[in-house]
Amino acid sequence: MTTATLLFLKNQRFWLSGPSTLLVSLEIMLAMAVWFPAGIGNVNNIMMPLIMFPLIWSVLFFYTYLTPVMQRAWWLLLTLVAINSAILAYQFLG
């Protein structure tokens, strides 16, 4: 393998739109099970995050990939991680 084939690993947009977006989407999905109401059958808080995961991921992916200001996208992802981490910490430690 030449260095030209692995050049995308040095691109900041790759890391922002790829693994970072996936991890933030998964954390939102985990926290969503906490704050989403259970519903009549007591399964809405489990099923809705699973159903909405592709939508959450695609919105974050396209925003981070198409934004001209990378810093704003990083701050958005960090804010989402902080909010959802606080929700999960409150649920499991509180």
Protein backbone atom coordinates (compact mmCIF):
# COMPACT_ATOMS: atom_id res chain seq x y z
CA MET A 1 0.00 0.00 0.00
CA THR A 2 1.23 3.42 -0.85
CA THR A 3 0.72 6.52 1.23
CA ALA A 4 -1.65 7.90 -1.39
CA THR A 5 -4.16 5.14 -0.69
CA LEU A 6 -4.24 5.96 3.03
CA LEU A 7 -4.28 9.72 2.57
CA PHE A 8 -7.94 9.93 3.62
CA LEU A 9 -6.90 9.01 7.19
CA LYS A 10 -5.29 12.44 7.55
CA ASN A 11 -8.48 14.22 6.51
CA GLN A 12 -10.32 15.80 9.44
CA ARG A 13 -13.67 15.55 7.66
CA PHE A 14 -13.26 11.76 7.42
CA TRP A 15 -12.92 11.44 11.20
CA LEU A 16 -15.72 13.92 11.85
CA SER A 17 -18.24 12.40 9.44
CA GLY A 18 -17.22 8.78 9.90
CA PRO A 19 -16.42 7.33 13.31
CA SER A 20 -17.33 10.44 15.33
CA THR A 21 -20.81 10.66 13.85
CA LEU A 22 -21.38 6.95 14.39
CA LEU A 23 -20.33 7.10 18.06
CA VAL A 24 -22.45 10.19 18.76
CA SER A 25 -25.47 8.59 17.08
CA LEU A 26 -25.08 5.46 19.18
CA GLU A 27 -24.84 7.51 22.36
CA ILE A 28 -27.97 9.47 21.42
CA MET A 29 -29.74 6.18 20.82
CA LEU A 30 -28.67 4.88 24.24
CA ALA A 31 -29.77 8.04 26.02
CA MET A 32 -33.02 8.11 24.07
CA ALA A 33 -34.07 4.90 25.83
CA VAL A 34 -33.90 6.85 29.10
CA TRP A 35 -35.87 9.98 28.23
CA PHE A 36 -38.34 8.59 25.69
CA PRO A 37 -41.70 7.64 27.30
CA ALA A 38 -42.44 3.95 27.64
CA GLY A 39 -45.87 4.04 25.97
CA ILE A 40 -48.80 1.65 26.35
CA GLY A 41 -46.92 -1.59 25.72
CA ASN A 42 -43.80 -0.43 27.62
CA VAL A 43 -41.61 -0.94 24.54
CA ASN A 44 -41.66 2.49 22.86
CA ASN A 45 -38.55 3.61 24.73
CA ILE A 46 -36.71 0.59 23.30
CA MET A 47 -38.13 0.44 19.77
CA MET A 48 -38.17 4.14 18.86
CA PRO A 49 -34.40 4.64 19.30
CA LEU A 50 -33.78 1.60 17.09
CA ILE A 51 -36.14 2.88 14.44
CA MET A 52 -34.85 6.46 14.61
CA PHE A 53 -31.14 5.55 14.60
CA PRO A 54 -30.78 5.75 10.78
CA LEU A 55 -32.45 9.16 10.79
CA ILE A 56 -30.24 10.48 13.59
CA TRP A 57 -27.10 9.14 11.92
CA SER A 58 -27.99 10.49 8.48
CA VAL A 59 -28.81 13.99 9.77
CA LEU A 60 -25.53 14.17 11.69
CA PHE A 61 -23.54 12.64 8.83
CA PHE A 62 -24.84 15.00 6.16
CA TYR A 63 -24.47 18.02 8.42
CA THR A 64 -20.88 17.20 9.33
CA TYR A 65 -19.97 16.26 5.75
CA LEU A 66 -21.53 19.26 4.04
CA THR A 67 -20.81 22.04 6.51
CA PRO A 68 -18.21 24.58 5.42
CA VAL A 69 -17.29 25.38 9.06
CA MET A 70 -15.68 22.32 10.65
CA GLN A 71 -15.40 23.87 14.12
CA ARG A 72 -19.16 24.34 14.34
CA ALA A 73 -19.70 20.67 13.50
CA TRP A 74 -17.15 19.56 16.13
CA TRP A 75 -18.87 21.73 18.74
CA LEU A 76 -22.26 20.30 17.79
CA LEU A 77 -21.02 16.72 18.22
CA LEU A 78 -19.27 17.55 21.50
CA THR A 79 -22.41 19.24 22.84
CA LEU A 80 -24.54 16.25 21.91
CA VAL A 81 -22.06 13.91 23.59
CA ALA A 82 -22.02 16.04 26.75
CA ILE A 83 -25.81 16.25 27.00
CA ASN A 84 -26.39 12.56 26.38
CA SER A 85 -23.53 11.56 28.70
CA ALA A 86 -25.12 13.65 31.44
CA ILE A 87 -28.47 11.92 30.85
CA LEU A 88 -26.87 8.48 31.02
CA ALA A 89 -24.80 9.38 34.09
CA TYR A 90 -27.88 10.70 35.86
CA GLN A 91 -29.78 7.51 35.02
CA PHE A 92 -27.11 5.04 36.10
CA LEU A 93 -25.39 6.95 38.91
CA GLY A 94 -28.33 8.86 40.35
